[in-house]
Amino acid sequence: MSRDWLLYLDDLIASAERVLRLTQGRSLAQWQADEAAFDAVLFNLQVIGEAIKKLPEPALSQLSEPHRRGPARLRDLNAHHYFALDSRIIWDVAVQHVPALLIEARALRDQADHSPPAG
């Protein structure tokens, strides 16, 4: 079953918004101590990475270079090398990179909403 790429973009946006809610107003130590929030951020970063992998090249080209491949690499690290994850790096991704990616993803969605349909 084929899924429209815009649905993956919507998943990316929703997961990025969740990451922001799960980290907002918290310190690194508070977030690390909250197992549910920690695990939820990891899951949502996984969704973001998987969604990035499903975007077509023209859409990917609209994202800045770090956001084209970084989320997918982090998803693979989380899935296959979970034992090597550093919570401080995950925190940095969540509070520094995800907000910037969210801005770009929302702009891409807005652009898609205002473009004429293909075909």
C-alpha atoms as a PDB file:
ATOM      1  CA  MET A   1       0.000   0.000   0.000  1.00  0.00           C
ATOM      2  CA  SER A   2       1.405   3.340  -1.058  1.00  0.00           C
ATOM      3  CA  ARG A   3       1.036   6.300   1.250  1.00  0.00           C
ATOM      4  CA  ASP A   4       1.041   9.925   0.132  1.00  0.00           C
ATOM      5  CA  TRP A   5       4.269  11.677   1.128  1.00  0.00           C
ATOM      6  CA  LEU A   6       2.294  14.522   2.682  1.00  0.00           C
ATOM      7  CA  LEU A   7       1.020  12.107   5.314  1.00  0.00           C
ATOM      8  CA  TYR A   8       4.645  11.354   6.251  1.00  0.00           C
ATOM      9  CA  LEU A   9       5.299  15.082   6.415  1.00  0.00           C
ATOM     10  CA  ASP A  10       2.281  15.443   8.721  1.00  0.00           C
ATOM     11  CA  ASP A  11       3.672  12.637  10.911  1.00  0.00           C
ATOM     12  CA  LEU A  12       7.015  14.432  11.042  1.00  0.00           C
ATOM     13  CA  ILE A  13       5.363  17.689  12.099  1.00  0.00           C
ATOM     14  CA  ALA A  14       3.189  16.015  14.740  1.00  0.00           C
ATOM     15  CA  SER A  15       6.154  14.142  16.221  1.00  0.00           C
ATOM     16  CA  ALA A  16       8.323  17.263  16.260  1.00  0.00           C
ATOM     17  CA  GLU A  17       5.547  19.112  18.094  1.00  0.00           C
ATOM     18  CA  ARG A  18       5.387  16.277  20.649  1.00  0.00           C
ATOM     19  CA  VAL A  19       9.147  16.436  21.187  1.00  0.00           C
ATOM     20  CA  LEU A  20       8.868  20.150  21.900  1.00  0.00           C
ATOM     21  CA  ARG A  21       6.043  19.587  24.391  1.00  0.00           C
ATOM     22  CA  LEU A  22       8.009  16.806  26.127  1.00  0.00           C
ATOM     23  CA  THR A  23      11.106  18.955  26.592  1.00  0.00           C
ATOM     24  CA  GLN A  24       9.626  22.425  27.065  1.00  0.00           C
ATOM     25  CA  GLY A  25      10.233  23.941  30.485  1.00  0.00           C
ATOM     26  CA  ARG A  26      12.479  21.075  31.583  1.00  0.00           C
ATOM     27  CA  SER A  27      16.157  20.831  32.254  1.00  0.00           C
ATOM     28  CA  LEU A  28      18.256  17.990  30.920  1.00  0.00           C
ATOM     29  CA  ALA A  29      18.290  16.407  34.377  1.00  0.00           C
ATOM     30  CA  GLN A  30      14.505  16.629  34.755  1.00  0.00           C
ATOM     31  CA  TRP A  31      13.986  15.087  31.343  1.00  0.00           C
ATOM     32  CA  GLN A  32      16.498  12.290  32.001  1.00  0.00           C
ATOM     33  CA  ALA A  33      14.735  11.469  35.275  1.00  0.00           C
ATOM     34  CA  ASP A  34      11.333  11.163  33.575  1.00  0.00           C
ATOM     35  CA  GLU A  35      11.517   7.755  31.902  1.00  0.00           C
ATOM     36  CA  ALA A  36       8.218   8.197  30.081  1.00  0.00           C
ATOM     37  CA  ALA A  37       9.250  11.557  28.592  1.00  0.00           C
ATOM     38  CA  PHE A  38      12.681  10.208  27.672  1.00  0.00           C
ATOM     39  CA  ASP A  39      11.186   7.187  25.919  1.00  0.00           C
ATOM     40  CA  ALA A  40       8.514   9.297  24.220  1.00  0.00           C
ATOM     41  CA  VAL A  41      11.153  11.654  22.800  1.00  0.00           C
ATOM     42  CA  LEU A  42      13.142   8.689  21.492  1.00  0.00           C
ATOM     43  CA  PHE A  43      10.031   7.239  19.860  1.00  0.00           C
ATOM     44  CA  ASN A  44       9.090  10.531  18.239  1.00  0.00           C
ATOM     45  CA  LEU A  45      12.639  11.039  16.964  1.00  0.00           C
ATOM     46  CA  GLN A  46      12.328   7.582  15.446  1.00  0.00           C
ATOM     47  CA  VAL A  47       9.090   8.608  13.704  1.00  0.00           C
ATOM     48  CA  ILE A  48      10.736  11.803  12.433  1.00  0.00           C
ATOM     49  CA  GLY A  49      13.632   9.812  10.998  1.00  0.00           C
ATOM     50  CA  GLU A  50      11.370   7.285   9.335  1.00  0.00           C
ATOM     51  CA  ALA A  51       9.186  10.041   7.879  1.00  0.00           C
ATOM     52  CA  ILE A  52      12.246  11.813   6.447  1.00  0.00           C
ATOM     53  CA  LYS A  53      13.159   8.581   4.649  1.00  0.00           C
ATOM     54  CA  LYS A  54       9.749   8.590   2.949  1.00  0.00           C
ATOM     55  CA  LEU A  55       9.868  12.142   1.586  1.00  0.00           C
ATOM     56  CA  PRO A  56      10.497  12.422  -2.158  1.00  0.00           C
ATOM     57  CA  GLU A  57      13.737  14.044  -3.290  1.00  0.00           C
ATOM     58  CA  PRO A  58      12.085  17.318  -4.402  1.00  0.00           C
ATOM     59  CA  ALA A  59      10.663  17.739  -0.891  1.00  0.00           C
ATOM     60  CA  LEU A  60      13.943  16.759   0.775  1.00  0.00           C
ATOM     61  CA  SER A  61      15.767  19.337  -1.291  1.00  0.00           C
ATOM     62  CA  GLN A  62      13.626  22.010   0.391  1.00  0.00           C
ATOM     63  CA  LEU A  63      15.104  21.108   3.785  1.00  0.00           C
ATOM     64  CA  SER A  64      18.489  22.332   4.977  1.00  0.00           C
ATOM     65  CA  GLU A  65      21.347  19.864   4.628  1.00  0.00           C
ATOM     66  CA  PRO A  66      21.439  18.711   8.279  1.00  0.00           C
ATOM     67  CA  HIS A  67      17.719  17.950   8.180  1.00  0.00           C
ATOM     68  CA  ARG A  68      17.861  15.877   4.998  1.00  0.00           C
ATOM     69  CA  ARG A  69      19.860  12.982   6.415  1.00  0.00           C
ATOM     70  CA  GLY A  70      20.452  13.596  10.128  1.00  0.00           C
ATOM     71  CA  PRO A  71      17.048  12.455  11.391  1.00  0.00           C
ATOM     72  CA  ALA A  72      17.253   9.235   9.362  1.00  0.00           C
ATOM     73  CA  ARG A  73      20.755   8.495  10.693  1.00  0.00           C
ATOM     74  CA  LEU A  74      19.550   9.084  14.252  1.00  0.00           C
ATOM     75  CA  ARG A  75      16.571   6.796  13.620  1.00  0.00           C
ATOM     76  CA  ASP A  76      18.929   4.045  12.461  1.00  0.00           C
ATOM     77  CA  LEU A  77      21.192   4.570  15.467  1.00  0.00           C
ATOM     78  CA  ASN A  78      18.187   4.378  17.797  1.00  0.00           C
ATOM     79  CA  ALA A  79      16.844   1.250  16.116  1.00  0.00           C
ATOM     80  CA  HIS A  80      20.084  -0.678  15.632  1.00  0.00           C
ATOM     81  CA  HIS A  81      22.567   0.740  18.137  1.00  0.00           C
ATOM     82  CA  TYR A  82      20.308   1.824  20.974  1.00  0.00           C
ATOM     83  CA  PHE A  83      23.012   0.856  23.461  1.00  0.00           C
ATOM     84  CA  ALA A  84      25.248   3.609  22.081  1.00  0.00           C
ATOM     85  CA  LEU A  85      22.759   6.446  22.597  1.00  0.00           C
ATOM     86  CA  ASP A  86      23.948   9.374  24.695  1.00  0.00           C
ATOM     87  CA  SER A  87      21.070  11.132  26.454  1.00  0.00           C
ATOM     88  CA  ARG A  88      22.869  14.490  26.232  1.00  0.00           C
ATOM     89  CA  ILE A  89      23.071  14.189  22.451  1.00  0.00           C
ATOM     90  CA  ILE A  90      19.405  13.191  22.253  1.00  0.00           C
ATOM     91  CA  TRP A  91      18.559  16.213  24.427  1.00  0.00           C
ATOM     92  CA  ASP A  92      20.558  18.505  22.136  1.00  0.00           C
ATOM     93  CA  VAL A  93      18.773  17.110  19.094  1.00  0.00           C
ATOM     94  CA  ALA A  94      15.401  17.566  20.804  1.00  0.00           C
ATOM     95  CA  VAL A  95      15.907  21.146  21.952  1.00  0.00           C
ATOM     96  CA  GLN A  96      18.190  22.517  19.218  1.00  0.00           C
ATOM     97  CA  HIS A  97      17.588  20.627  15.986  1.00  0.00           C
ATOM     98  CA  VAL A  98      13.948  19.572  16.199  1.00  0.00           C
ATOM     99  CA  PRO A  99      12.624  23.151  16.534  1.00  0.00           C
ATOM    100  CA  ALA A 100      14.566  24.195  13.420  1.00  0.00           C
ATOM    101  CA  LEU A 101      13.375  21.118  11.512  1.00  0.00           C
ATOM    102  CA  LEU A 102       9.799  21.842  12.566  1.00  0.00           C
ATOM    103  CA  ILE A 103       9.998  25.342  11.086  1.00  0.00           C
ATOM    104  CA  GLU A 104      11.260  23.926   7.787  1.00  0.00           C
ATOM    105  CA  ALA A 105       8.701  21.107   7.755  1.00  0.00           C
ATOM    106  CA  ARG A 106       5.816  23.512   8.392  1.00  0.00           C
ATOM    107  CA  ALA A 107       7.068  25.755   5.566  1.00  0.00           C
ATOM    108  CA  LEU A 108       7.237  22.731   3.259  1.00  0.00           C
ATOM    109  CA  ARG A 109       3.685  21.735   4.230  1.00  0.00           C
ATOM    110  CA  ASP A 110       2.450  25.277   3.674  1.00  0.00           C
ATOM    111  CA  GLN A 111       4.117  25.321   0.273  1.00  0.00           C
ATOM    112  CA  ALA A 112       2.511  22.000  -0.637  1.00  0.00           C
ATOM    113  CA  ASP A 113      -0.898  23.254   0.501  1.00  0.00           C
ATOM    114  CA  HIS A 114      -0.614  26.251  -1.802  1.00  0.00           C
ATOM    115  CA  SER A 115       0.771  24.471  -4.866  1.00  0.00           C
ATOM    116  CA  PRO A 116      -1.423  23.302  -7.702  1.00  0.00           C
ATOM    117  CA  PRO A 117      -2.059  19.533  -7.670  1.00  0.00           C
ATOM    118  CA  ALA A 118       0.352  17.451  -9.738  1.00  0.00           C
ATOM    119  CA  GLY A 119      -0.884  15.705 -12.826  1.00  0.00           C
END
